[in-house]
Amino acid sequence: MGESKATGESKEGVDGHAGAIPPGRGDACDAAFGAALGAIKDAALEYLRGLGTQAVSARGGDRLPERPLPLEGAGADAALRELVGLSEQRSVASAGPRYFHYVVGGATPAALAADWWTSSLDQLASSASGSPLAVELEVLVTKWLAELVHLDPDAYTGVLVTGATAANFVGLAAARQWAGERRGVDVAEEGLAGLPPIRVLTSGFVHASVVKSLAMLGLGRASMERFSRDNRGTLDVAAMEERLQELRGVPVILVGTAGEVNAGRFDPLQELARLKDEHGAWLHVDAAFGLFARAAPSAGPLAAGLEAADSIASDAHKWLNVPYDCGFAFVAQRALLAKSFRLVADYLPPADGQPQRVPANLGPESSRRARALPIFATLAAYGRQGIETMVEGHLALARHLADLVRDAPDLDLVDEPCLNIVPFRFAPRGIRKRDWDALNQEIGREVLRDGRVHVGTTRYRSVVCFRPAIANWRMERQDVELLVRVIRELGGAALDRGRSAEEG
């Protein structure tokens, strides 16, 4: 972090020692903020400059050593120096262009600066009485997000949450309330006791966060029935329709996926919309990153039918590239949210007032960060055209990566990319195919130790493979080309080790 300026905090703290909290006003307070923020700014810029070249994986041993809480603090300068040092050893460079592991965006300059400003303002975004700015911007940016992906902004109530798991929870909570009311029960007031099970029908694309949400909502993991017709998990529409016929008259929740995690594939949302209409079901769509396909003309048709969904879950900290944490849910029936998440206390705004002025009554959190500010800065800075250009660029990179895999004699494309994830494996000739799974798992471990790129393995279509996701605004052709080179290099080294062991 470099040499810090002498601060009022270290010399003139409340108790006169380096670790004392500085006075809350005056020159000493201003100096303490200036020194701390200036030092972190310098460290952050140095870190950001190195994202394209530094090791991506965490270094420095298995874990941080345990230590007792210090009795006397060392002061902000020393604490921040230590934090930056620990970060150099134990953080993962997930904000950079060579991180392909999960579907993670970085943070654009506008979003990062706005996130720093968000922390400086430290707003309570639970109601307009807590922060008019946070709540009014939340209403605005959720409408902007709907416009960005060609949804009717007046058809949905948008709620900002921590991520797609919480967004799935919000959408499915509304669905649970709907299903209860179809049975004449206000579930939020009376609970699920006495109700027959609420059935949830989906495909093999369904994400674990949906299953987790069902468990948290009391619907139960066993309420879910999957209908797949192949080893991808592709929806078997005919089998689902047959099951809906058996459940006729029973409230059913259909769950669609827009962008599954192994190859970015989509359920046939138009078919799900048809089944929803014909059988009077609720349609929830988990679109954690696939929602932004609708921002790109070339990929938009994949998500046709999404506009018929009753609830939608997505993330801004994925393809929109705002900092963690930031997800959002769209729900068509605001009253169901208000019933599910009503927060009543004498000191709080009335729950039956203007719902969107009290977003704590529309989602699970009462203590809410002002997540709208980085979204606002991103959309205001780059606009529809900027986001469209970024998404189209990532789709082109995915196609380029797939071409590199096809051209490599020792790589195998496990599935054609339809969005921004390209599943492939190291598949050398001359060894048994049944050994490829173990070999790719070994290479996966070596990739993370090597650190030049960061990518994980999965089991998809019954084989172990890599699933690099392209979602960071910094990514370029050189980054995906490096990914291929590293995997081929480490794969070749693994083969050499195996041959040496056999000869030994």
Protein backbone atom coordinates (compact mmCIF):
# COMPACT_ATOMS: atom_id res chain seq x y z
CA MET A 1 0.00 0.00 0.00
CA GLY A 2 2.97 2.31 0.23
CA GLU A 3 3.75 4.85 2.92
CA SER A 4 0.63 6.29 4.54
CA LYS A 5 0.23 9.87 5.60
CA ALA A 6 0.26 10.66 9.31
CA THR A 7 -3.36 10.56 10.38
CA GLY A 8 -5.29 12.23 13.12
CA GLU A 9 -6.54 8.76 13.89
CA SER A 10 -3.14 7.37 14.80
CA LYS A 11 -2.01 10.39 16.82
CA GLU A 12 -5.19 11.95 18.14
CA GLY A 13 -7.60 9.09 18.67
CA VAL A 14 -10.30 9.30 21.28
CA ASP A 15 -8.14 7.43 23.77
CA GLY A 16 -4.81 8.75 22.55
CA HIS A 17 -3.38 5.55 21.06
CA ALA A 18 -2.94 4.22 17.53
CA GLY A 19 -5.91 1.86 17.66
CA ALA A 20 -8.38 4.36 19.07
CA ILE A 21 -11.43 5.31 16.99
CA PRO A 22 -10.81 8.87 15.77
CA PRO A 23 -13.01 11.84 16.69
CA GLY A 24 -16.23 11.92 14.70
CA ARG A 25 -15.76 15.48 13.49
CA GLY A 26 -13.04 17.96 12.66
CA ASP A 27 -9.62 17.82 11.06
CA ALA A 28 -8.60 14.59 12.78
CA CYS A 29 -11.67 12.81 11.43
CA ASP A 30 -11.11 14.18 7.92
CA ALA A 31 -7.45 13.15 8.03
CA ALA A 32 -8.32 9.62 9.16
CA PHE A 33 -10.78 9.13 6.29
CA GLY A 34 -8.41 10.68 3.79
CA ALA A 35 -5.50 8.47 4.77
CA ALA A 36 -7.52 5.25 4.91
CA LEU A 37 -9.41 5.79 1.66
CA GLY A 38 -6.30 7.08 -0.11
CA ALA A 39 -4.30 4.02 0.88
CA ILE A 40 -7.03 1.64 -0.24
CA LYS A 41 -7.45 3.54 -3.51
CA ASP A 42 -3.74 3.10 -4.24
CA ALA A 43 -3.85 -0.61 -3.36
CA ALA A 44 -7.01 -1.15 -5.40
CA LEU A 45 -5.57 0.49 -8.51
CA GLU A 46 -2.42 -1.61 -8.21
CA TYR A 47 -4.55 -4.75 -7.87
CA LEU A 48 -6.80 -3.86 -10.79
CA ARG A 49 -3.80 -3.13 -13.03
CA GLY A 50 -2.48 -6.62 -12.37
CA LEU A 51 -5.69 -8.56 -12.98
CA GLY A 52 -4.71 -9.55 -16.50
CA THR A 53 -1.33 -11.00 -15.52
CA GLN A 54 -1.32 -12.04 -11.86
CA ALA A 55 -2.08 -15.55 -10.60
CA VAL A 56 -5.82 -16.13 -10.43
CA SER A 57 -5.95 -18.81 -7.74
CA ALA A 58 -5.48 -18.12 -4.03
CA ARG A 59 -1.97 -18.59 -2.65
CA GLY A 60 -0.41 -18.86 0.78
CA GLY A 61 -1.29 -22.27 2.20
CA ASP A 62 -4.53 -23.99 3.06
CA ARG A 63 -6.08 -21.33 5.30
CA LEU A 64 -5.36 -18.30 7.42
CA PRO A 65 -3.93 -19.11 10.86
CA GLU A 66 -6.19 -18.61 13.84
CA ARG A 67 -5.40 -15.82 16.31
CA PRO A 68 -7.09 -14.19 19.28
CA LEU A 69 -8.87 -10.86 19.07
CA PRO A 70 -6.31 -8.11 19.83
CA LEU A 71 -6.85 -6.17 23.04
CA GLU A 72 -5.47 -2.96 21.59
CA GLY A 73 -5.88 -2.22 17.92
CA ALA A 74 -2.96 -1.40 15.65
CA GLY A 75 -4.70 1.48 13.90
CA ALA A 76 -6.31 1.76 10.49
CA ASP A 77 -3.06 2.08 8.55
CA ALA A 78 -1.58 -1.12 9.97
CA ALA A 79 -4.88 -2.98 9.73
CA LEU A 80 -5.34 -2.03 6.08
CA ARG A 81 -1.75 -2.97 5.29
CA GLU A 82 -2.35 -6.38 6.81
CA LEU A 83 -5.67 -6.78 4.97
CA VAL A 84 -4.07 -6.02 1.62
CA GLY A 85 -1.27 -8.45 2.38
CA LEU A 86 -3.69 -11.20 3.31
CA SER A 87 -5.69 -10.48 0.15
CA GLU A 88 -2.60 -10.98 -1.97
CA GLN A 89 -2.29 -14.49 -0.53
CA ARG A 90 -5.83 -15.69 -0.03
CA SER A 91 -8.15 -13.93 -2.49
CA VAL A 92 -9.10 -15.26 -5.91
CA ALA A 93 -8.78 -12.87 -8.86
CA SER A 94 -12.40 -13.45 -9.83
CA ALA A 95 -12.73 -9.84 -10.99
CA GLY A 96 -10.25 -10.46 -13.79
CA PRO A 97 -10.39 -11.74 -17.37
CA ARG A 98 -8.82 -15.15 -16.74
CA TYR A 99 -11.41 -16.33 -14.22
CA PHE A 100 -13.78 -18.78 -15.94
CA HIS A 101 -14.90 -20.91 -12.99
CA TYR A 102 -18.40 -19.78 -12.02
CA VAL A 103 -20.55 -17.39 -14.05
CA VAL A 104 -19.00 -14.29 -12.53
CA GLY A 105 -18.82 -10.82 -14.01
CA GLY A 106 -16.24 -8.31 -12.89
CA ALA A 107 -17.04 -4.78 -11.87
CA THR A 108 -17.03 -2.12 -14.55
CA PRO A 109 -15.39 1.21 -13.61
CA ALA A 110 -18.76 2.90 -13.17
CA ALA A 111 -20.14 0.05 -11.05
CA LEU A 112 -17.06 -0.19 -8.82
CA ALA A 113 -16.95 3.55 -8.17
CA ALA A 114 -20.68 3.57 -7.43
CA ASP A 115 -20.22 0.67 -5.02
CA TRP A 116 -17.57 2.66 -3.12
CA TRP A 117 -20.02 5.57 -3.04
CA THR A 118 -22.73 3.21 -1.76
CA SER A 119 -20.54 2.25 1.18
CA SER A 120 -19.73 5.89 1.85
CA LEU A 121 -23.42 6.85 1.98
CA ASP A 122 -24.25 3.68 3.99
CA GLN A 123 -27.98 3.90 3.27
CA LEU A 124 -30.67 1.73 4.82
CA ALA A 125 -32.72 0.68 1.81
CA SER A 126 -35.62 -0.92 3.68
CA SER A 127 -38.04 1.98 3.11
CA ALA A 128 -38.23 5.44 1.65
CA SER A 129 -38.18 6.86 5.15
CA GLY A 130 -34.77 5.21 5.60
CA SER A 131 -33.43 6.38 2.25
CA PRO A 132 -35.54 8.03 -0.47
CA LEU A 133 -32.52 7.77 -2.78
CA ALA A 134 -32.05 4.01 -2.38
CA VAL A 135 -35.72 3.14 -2.71
CA GLU A 136 -36.50 5.48 -5.60
CA LEU A 137 -33.46 4.27 -7.53
CA GLU A 138 -34.49 0.66 -6.85
CA VAL A 139 -37.86 1.31 -8.46
CA LEU A 140 -36.15 3.02 -11.39
CA VAL A 141 -33.40 0.47 -12.04
CA THR A 142 -35.69 -2.56 -11.83
CA LYS A 143 -37.79 -0.92 -14.54
CA TRP A 144 -34.62 -0.24 -16.54
CA LEU A 145 -33.57 -3.87 -16.16
CA ALA A 146 -36.96 -4.98 -17.47
CA GLU A 147 -36.61 -2.62 -20.44
CA LEU A 148 -33.07 -3.87 -21.11
CA VAL A 149 -34.32 -7.45 -21.55
CA HIS A 150 -37.50 -6.49 -23.41
CA LEU A 151 -40.00 -7.16 -20.64
CA ASP A 152 -42.94 -4.89 -19.89
CA PRO A 153 -41.67 -2.80 -16.94
CA ASP A 154 -45.24 -2.21 -15.77
CA ALA A 155 -46.05 -5.93 -15.71
CA TYR A 156 -43.63 -6.77 -12.88
CA THR A 157 -42.61 -5.57 -9.45
CA GLY A 158 -38.84 -5.69 -9.14
CA VAL A 159 -37.05 -6.42 -5.86
CA LEU A 160 -33.29 -6.27 -5.31
CA VAL A 161 -31.82 -9.10 -3.22
CA THR A 162 -28.45 -10.71 -2.53
CA GLY A 163 -28.34 -13.04 -5.52
CA ALA A 164 -30.19 -15.62 -7.58
CA THR A 165 -30.78 -17.92 -4.62
CA ALA A 166 -32.64 -15.15 -2.80
CA ALA A 167 -34.35 -14.15 -6.04
CA ASN A 168 -35.57 -17.73 -6.53
CA PHE A 169 -36.74 -17.69 -2.93
CA VAL A 170 -38.76 -14.50 -3.56
CA GLY A 171 -40.38 -15.79 -6.74
CA LEU A 172 -41.20 -19.17 -5.24
CA ALA A 173 -42.54 -17.54 -2.06
CA ALA A 174 -45.03 -15.68 -4.24
CA ALA A 175 -45.84 -18.96 -5.99
CA ARG A 176 -46.37 -20.67 -2.63
CA GLN A 177 -48.76 -17.92 -1.56
CA TRP A 178 -50.62 -18.24 -4.87
CA ALA A 179 -50.90 -22.03 -4.50
CA GLY A 180 -52.21 -21.69 -0.95
CA GLU A 181 -54.84 -19.17 -1.99
CA ARG A 182 -55.96 -21.55 -4.73
CA ARG A 183 -56.72 -23.91 -1.84
CA GLY A 184 -58.38 -21.18 0.21
CA VAL A 185 -55.45 -20.78 2.64
CA ASP A 186 -53.34 -17.68 3.36
CA VAL A 187 -50.05 -19.53 3.78
CA ALA A 188 -48.18 -16.50 5.11
CA GLU A 189 -50.70 -16.26 7.97
CA GLU A 190 -51.71 -19.87 8.56
CA GLY A 191 -48.74 -21.90 7.32
CA LEU A 192 -48.73 -25.04 5.22
CA ALA A 193 -50.07 -27.41 7.87
CA GLY A 194 -53.11 -29.27 6.62
CA LEU A 195 -52.50 -28.46 2.96
CA PRO A 196 -51.77 -31.29 0.53
CA PRO A 197 -48.27 -31.12 -1.00
CA ILE A 198 -47.69 -28.41 -3.60
CA ARG A 199 -46.14 -30.02 -6.66
CA VAL A 200 -43.22 -28.41 -8.53
CA LEU A 201 -42.49 -29.66 -12.06
CA THR A 202 -39.27 -28.89 -13.89
CA SER A 203 -36.54 -30.26 -16.19
CA GLY A 204 -33.07 -31.63 -15.57
CA PHE A 205 -31.67 -28.12 -16.03
CA VAL A 206 -32.93 -26.97 -12.63
CA HIS A 207 -30.33 -25.29 -10.43
CA ALA A 208 -29.54 -26.31 -6.86
CA SER A 209 -30.63 -22.87 -5.61
CA VAL A 210 -34.21 -23.62 -6.63
CA VAL A 211 -34.12 -26.86 -4.66
CA LYS A 212 -32.65 -25.01 -1.69
CA SER A 213 -35.40 -22.40 -1.89
CA LEU A 214 -38.08 -25.09 -1.85
CA ALA A 215 -36.52 -26.48 1.33
CA MET A 216 -36.39 -23.05 2.99
CA LEU A 217 -40.01 -22.31 2.04
CA GLY A 218 -41.27 -25.51 3.62
CA LEU A 219 -42.41 -26.90 0.28
CA GLY A 220 -39.71 -29.54 0.55
CA ARG A 221 -37.13 -30.85 -1.85
CA ALA A 222 -39.31 -33.89 -2.47
CA SER A 223 -42.03 -31.65 -3.94
CA MET A 224 -39.97 -31.35 -7.11
CA GLU A 225 -40.45 -33.70 -10.07
CA ARG A 226 -37.94 -33.60 -12.94
CA PHE A 227 -38.85 -34.49 -16.52
CA SER A 228 -35.83 -35.10 -18.78
CA ARG A 229 -35.48 -36.88 -22.09
CA ASP A 230 -31.68 -37.05 -22.46
CA ASN A 231 -28.41 -36.86 -20.55
CA ARG A 232 -28.31 -33.09 -20.94
CA GLY A 233 -31.43 -32.75 -18.80
CA THR A 234 -33.57 -31.45 -21.68
CA LEU A 235 -37.22 -31.07 -20.74
CA ASP A 236 -39.54 -33.89 -21.74
CA VAL A 237 -42.55 -31.74 -22.58
CA ALA A 238 -44.86 -34.68 -23.29
CA ALA A 239 -44.11 -36.35 -19.94
CA MET A 240 -44.64 -33.08 -18.07
CA GLU A 241 -47.91 -32.50 -19.88
CA GLU A 242 -49.06 -36.01 -18.99
CA ARG A 243 -48.27 -35.34 -15.34
CA LEU A 244 -50.19 -32.06 -15.46
CA GLN A 245 -53.19 -33.95 -16.75
CA GLU A 246 -52.94 -36.25 -13.73
CA LEU A 247 -52.74 -33.21 -11.43
CA ARG A 248 -55.63 -31.36 -13.07
CA GLY A 249 -57.37 -29.15 -10.54
CA VAL A 250 -54.30 -29.06 -8.25
CA PRO A 251 -52.22 -25.87 -8.09
CA VAL A 252 -48.85 -26.62 -9.70
CA ILE A 253 -45.66 -24.59 -9.93
CA LEU A 254 -43.67 -24.95 -13.14
CA VAL A 255 -39.98 -24.02 -12.99
CA GLY A 256 -38.08 -23.17 -16.14
CA THR A 257 -34.37 -22.48 -16.53
CA ALA A 258 -32.89 -19.80 -18.77
CA GLY A 259 -29.20 -20.62 -18.92
CA GLU A 260 -28.28 -23.86 -17.12
CA VAL A 261 -24.85 -24.02 -15.57
CA ASN A 262 -23.05 -26.65 -17.67
CA ALA A 263 -23.70 -25.46 -21.22
CA GLY A 264 -25.96 -22.40 -20.87
CA ARG A 265 -28.99 -24.17 -22.34
CA PHE A 266 -32.59 -23.00 -22.03
CA ASP A 267 -35.80 -24.81 -21.30
CA PRO A 268 -38.43 -24.30 -24.03
CA LEU A 269 -40.05 -21.33 -22.30
CA GLN A 270 -42.76 -20.93 -24.92
CA GLU A 271 -43.86 -24.51 -24.31
CA LEU A 272 -43.83 -23.93 -20.55
CA ALA A 273 -45.90 -20.79 -21.08
CA ARG A 274 -48.41 -22.85 -23.06
CA LEU A 275 -48.61 -25.48 -20.32
CA LYS A 276 -49.03 -22.74 -17.73
CA ASP A 277 -51.99 -21.25 -19.60
CA GLU A 278 -53.64 -24.56 -20.41
CA HIS A 279 -53.36 -25.97 -16.89
CA GLY A 280 -53.64 -22.82 -14.80
CA ALA A 281 -50.16 -23.24 -13.32
CA TRP A 282 -47.63 -20.73 -11.98
CA LEU A 283 -44.50 -20.31 -14.11
CA HIS A 284 -41.25 -19.36 -12.34
CA VAL A 285 -38.08 -18.95 -14.42
CA ASP A 286 -34.58 -19.11 -12.97
CA ALA A 287 -32.67 -16.80 -15.33
CA ALA A 288 -29.63 -16.10 -13.15
CA PHE A 289 -27.50 -15.15 -16.14
CA GLY A 290 -29.57 -16.28 -19.13
CA LEU A 291 -31.93 -13.33 -18.71
CA PHE A 292 -29.31 -11.11 -20.35
CA ALA A 293 -29.47 -13.18 -23.53
CA ARG A 294 -32.53 -11.04 -24.25
CA ALA A 295 -30.25 -7.98 -24.35
CA ALA A 296 -28.45 -9.43 -27.40
CA PRO A 297 -30.29 -9.75 -30.74
CA SER A 298 -28.39 -12.92 -31.66
CA ALA A 299 -29.36 -14.76 -28.45
CA GLY A 300 -32.72 -13.21 -27.64
CA PRO A 301 -34.78 -15.96 -29.33
CA LEU A 302 -33.41 -18.49 -26.80
CA ALA A 303 -35.48 -16.79 -24.09
CA ALA A 304 -38.67 -16.32 -26.11
CA GLY A 305 -41.63 -16.96 -23.84
CA LEU A 306 -40.00 -15.51 -20.73
CA GLU A 307 -42.46 -12.63 -20.86
CA ALA A 308 -45.22 -15.07 -19.85
CA ALA A 309 -43.52 -15.95 -16.55
CA ASP A 310 -45.23 -15.09 -13.27
CA SER A 311 -41.86 -14.70 -11.55
CA ILE A 312 -38.26 -14.43 -12.72
CA ALA A 313 -34.97 -14.65 -10.81
CA SER A 314 -31.69 -13.16 -12.01
CA ASP A 315 -28.35 -11.66 -10.97
CA ALA A 316 -26.76 -8.31 -11.73
CA HIS A 317 -23.38 -9.47 -10.38
CA LYS A 318 -23.15 -12.01 -13.18
CA TRP A 319 -23.51 -10.76 -16.73
CA LEU A 320 -24.32 -7.14 -15.87
CA ASN A 321 -20.91 -6.89 -14.15
CA VAL A 322 -21.82 -5.03 -10.98
CA PRO A 323 -20.04 -6.00 -7.71
CA TYR A 324 -21.24 -8.70 -5.35
CA ASP A 325 -23.78 -9.03 -3.98
CA CYS A 326 -26.68 -8.06 -6.22
CA GLY A 327 -29.58 -10.16 -7.49
CA PHE A 328 -33.13 -9.27 -8.40
CA ALA A 329 -36.55 -10.84 -8.76
CA PHE A 330 -39.47 -9.85 -10.98
CA VAL A 331 -42.95 -10.88 -9.78
CA ALA A 332 -46.13 -10.18 -11.69
CA GLN A 333 -48.46 -10.11 -8.67
CA ARG A 334 -47.17 -7.59 -6.15
CA ALA A 335 -49.91 -8.40 -3.64
CA LEU A 336 -48.50 -11.90 -3.20
CA LEU A 337 -45.12 -10.45 -2.26
CA ALA A 338 -46.69 -8.04 0.21
CA LYS A 339 -48.53 -10.89 1.89
CA SER A 340 -45.46 -13.13 2.00
CA PHE A 341 -42.96 -10.60 3.33
CA ARG A 342 -45.04 -8.13 5.33
CA LEU A 343 -43.03 -6.59 8.16
CA VAL A 344 -45.11 -5.09 10.98
CA ALA A 345 -43.80 -3.10 13.94
CA ASP A 346 -44.97 0.07 15.63
CA TYR A 347 -41.90 2.06 14.60
CA LEU A 348 -41.98 1.00 10.94
CA PRO A 349 -43.97 2.41 8.00
CA PRO A 350 -47.39 0.73 7.66
CA ALA A 351 -47.27 -2.49 5.70
CA ASP A 352 -50.48 -1.63 3.86
CA GLY A 353 -49.16 1.70 2.56
CA GLN A 354 -47.34 2.14 -0.75
CA PRO A 355 -45.60 -1.25 -1.17
CA GLN A 356 -42.77 -0.09 -3.43
CA ARG A 357 -41.90 2.65 -0.96
CA VAL A 358 -41.16 -0.10 1.57
CA PRO A 359 -39.18 -2.80 -0.27
CA ALA A 360 -38.55 -4.61 3.04
CA ASN A 361 -42.22 -5.65 2.69
CA LEU A 362 -41.51 -7.20 -0.72
CA GLY A 363 -38.51 -9.42 0.04
CA PRO A 364 -36.80 -11.34 2.83
CA GLU A 365 -34.32 -8.70 4.02
CA SER A 366 -35.07 -5.87 6.41
CA SER A 367 -31.46 -4.68 6.60
CA ARG A 368 -30.90 -3.89 2.93
CA ARG A 369 -27.85 -2.43 1.23
CA ALA A 370 -28.52 0.21 -1.45
CA ARG A 371 -27.82 -2.20 -4.31
CA ALA A 372 -29.57 0.04 -6.81
CA LEU A 373 -26.70 2.53 -6.93
CA PRO A 374 -24.13 0.39 -8.82
CA ILE A 375 -26.87 -0.82 -11.18
CA PHE A 376 -27.91 2.76 -11.83
CA ALA A 377 -24.33 3.81 -12.53
CA THR A 378 -23.75 0.89 -14.91
CA LEU A 379 -26.93 1.36 -16.91
CA ALA A 380 -26.62 5.15 -16.96
CA ALA A 381 -22.94 4.96 -17.98
CA TYR A 382 -23.14 2.33 -20.73
CA GLY A 383 -26.79 2.22 -21.75
CA ARG A 384 -28.58 -0.46 -23.73
CA GLN A 385 -26.00 -0.37 -26.53
CA GLY A 386 -23.08 -0.87 -24.15
CA ILE A 387 -24.62 -3.92 -22.49
CA GLU A 388 -25.68 -5.37 -25.84
CA THR A 389 -22.16 -4.94 -27.22
CA MET A 390 -20.63 -6.64 -24.16
CA VAL A 391 -22.99 -9.62 -24.31
CA GLU A 392 -22.55 -10.07 -28.07
CA GLY A 393 -18.79 -9.89 -27.57
CA HIS A 394 -18.93 -12.66 -24.99
CA LEU A 395 -21.02 -14.82 -27.29
CA ALA A 396 -18.40 -14.35 -30.01
CA LEU A 397 -15.66 -15.37 -27.54
CA ALA A 398 -17.61 -18.53 -26.70
CA ARG A 399 -17.80 -19.41 -30.38
CA HIS A 400 -14.07 -18.74 -30.74
CA LEU A 401 -13.31 -20.98 -27.77
CA ALA A 402 -15.44 -23.75 -29.27
CA ASP A 403 -13.52 -23.44 -32.55
CA LEU A 404 -10.20 -23.72 -30.69
CA VAL A 405 -11.43 -26.89 -28.98
CA ARG A 406 -12.58 -28.42 -32.28
CA ASP A 407 -9.21 -27.71 -33.87
CA ALA A 408 -7.18 -29.24 -31.03
CA PRO A 409 -6.43 -32.96 -31.55
CA ASP A 410 -6.45 -33.68 -27.80
CA LEU A 411 -9.62 -31.80 -26.81
CA ASP A 412 -13.26 -32.85 -27.10
CA LEU A 413 -16.22 -30.46 -27.28
CA VAL A 414 -18.80 -32.04 -24.99
CA ASP A 415 -21.64 -29.87 -26.26
CA GLU A 416 -22.12 -27.07 -28.76
CA PRO A 417 -22.22 -23.68 -27.02
CA CYS A 418 -25.58 -21.97 -27.22
CA LEU A 419 -24.68 -19.05 -24.95
CA ASN A 420 -21.53 -18.18 -22.96
CA ILE A 421 -20.47 -21.55 -21.44
CA VAL A 422 -18.36 -24.01 -23.43
CA PRO A 423 -18.08 -27.53 -21.94
CA PHE A 424 -15.04 -29.47 -23.15
CA ARG A 425 -12.52 -32.02 -21.90
CA PHE A 426 -8.97 -33.14 -22.42
CA ALA A 427 -9.34 -36.25 -24.57
CA PRO A 428 -5.97 -37.57 -25.71
CA ARG A 429 -5.79 -40.43 -28.14
CA GLY A 430 -3.92 -43.49 -27.07
CA ILE A 431 -5.47 -43.93 -23.63
CA ARG A 432 -8.75 -45.57 -22.72
CA LYS A 433 -11.80 -43.32 -22.77
CA ARG A 434 -12.86 -44.74 -19.43
CA ASP A 435 -9.74 -43.09 -17.96
CA TRP A 436 -10.59 -39.63 -19.29
CA ASP A 437 -12.76 -38.70 -16.31
CA ALA A 438 -9.99 -39.28 -13.77
CA LEU A 439 -7.50 -37.52 -16.03
CA ASN A 440 -9.69 -34.41 -16.34
CA GLN A 441 -10.24 -34.31 -12.60
CA GLU A 442 -6.47 -34.41 -12.13
CA ILE A 443 -5.98 -31.64 -14.67
CA GLY A 444 -8.68 -29.61 -12.93
CA ARG A 445 -6.74 -29.75 -9.68
CA GLU A 446 -3.53 -28.80 -11.49
CA VAL A 447 -5.21 -25.82 -13.18
CA LEU A 448 -6.14 -24.35 -9.82
CA ARG A 449 -2.63 -24.95 -8.45
CA ASP A 450 -1.04 -23.48 -11.57
CA GLY A 451 -3.02 -20.24 -11.27
CA ARG A 452 -2.64 -18.80 -14.77
CA VAL A 453 -6.35 -19.39 -15.38
CA HIS A 454 -9.16 -20.45 -13.06
CA VAL A 455 -11.76 -22.93 -14.28
CA GLY A 456 -13.69 -25.74 -12.66
CA THR A 457 -14.82 -29.20 -13.67
CA THR A 458 -18.31 -30.63 -13.68
CA ARG A 459 -20.08 -33.83 -14.66
CA TYR A 460 -22.17 -33.18 -17.75
CA ARG A 461 -23.61 -35.65 -20.24
CA SER A 462 -22.19 -38.41 -18.03
CA VAL A 463 -18.57 -37.26 -18.37
CA VAL A 464 -16.18 -35.05 -16.40
CA CYS A 465 -15.36 -31.87 -18.29
CA PHE A 466 -14.43 -28.21 -17.89
CA ARG A 467 -17.17 -25.59 -18.04
CA PRO A 468 -15.57 -22.19 -18.66
CA ALA A 469 -18.02 -19.32 -18.46
CA ILE A 470 -17.41 -16.07 -20.30
CA ALA A 471 -19.06 -13.17 -18.48
CA ASN A 472 -16.36 -10.66 -17.47
CA TRP A 473 -16.29 -7.36 -19.36
CA ARG A 474 -12.47 -7.51 -19.54
CA MET A 475 -12.26 -10.85 -21.38
CA GLU A 476 -10.61 -10.94 -24.79
CA ARG A 477 -9.55 -13.56 -27.32
CA GLN A 478 -6.11 -13.86 -25.71
CA ASP A 479 -7.74 -14.98 -22.45
CA VAL A 480 -9.69 -17.88 -23.94
CA GLU A 481 -6.66 -18.84 -26.03
CA LEU A 482 -4.56 -18.97 -22.85
CA LEU A 483 -7.21 -21.16 -21.23
CA VAL A 484 -6.89 -23.72 -24.03
CA ARG A 485 -3.08 -23.62 -23.96
CA VAL A 486 -2.91 -24.13 -20.20
CA ILE A 487 -5.29 -27.11 -20.20
CA ARG A 488 -3.46 -28.77 -23.08
CA GLU A 489 -0.08 -28.12 -21.43
CA LEU A 490 -1.17 -29.44 -18.03
CA GLY A 491 -2.94 -32.35 -19.71
CA GLY A 492 0.24 -33.31 -21.53
CA ALA A 493 2.22 -33.09 -18.28
CA ALA A 494 -0.31 -35.36 -16.56
CA LEU A 495 0.05 -37.90 -19.35
CA ASP A 496 3.85 -37.80 -19.01
CA ARG A 497 3.58 -38.40 -15.28
CA GLY A 498 1.30 -41.35 -15.89
CA ARG A 499 3.69 -42.89 -18.43
CA SER A 500 6.65 -42.41 -16.09
CA ALA A 501 4.76 -44.12 -13.28
CA GLU A 502 3.93 -47.07 -15.54
CA GLU A 503 7.55 -47.40 -16.70
CA GLY A 504 8.79 -47.16 -13.12
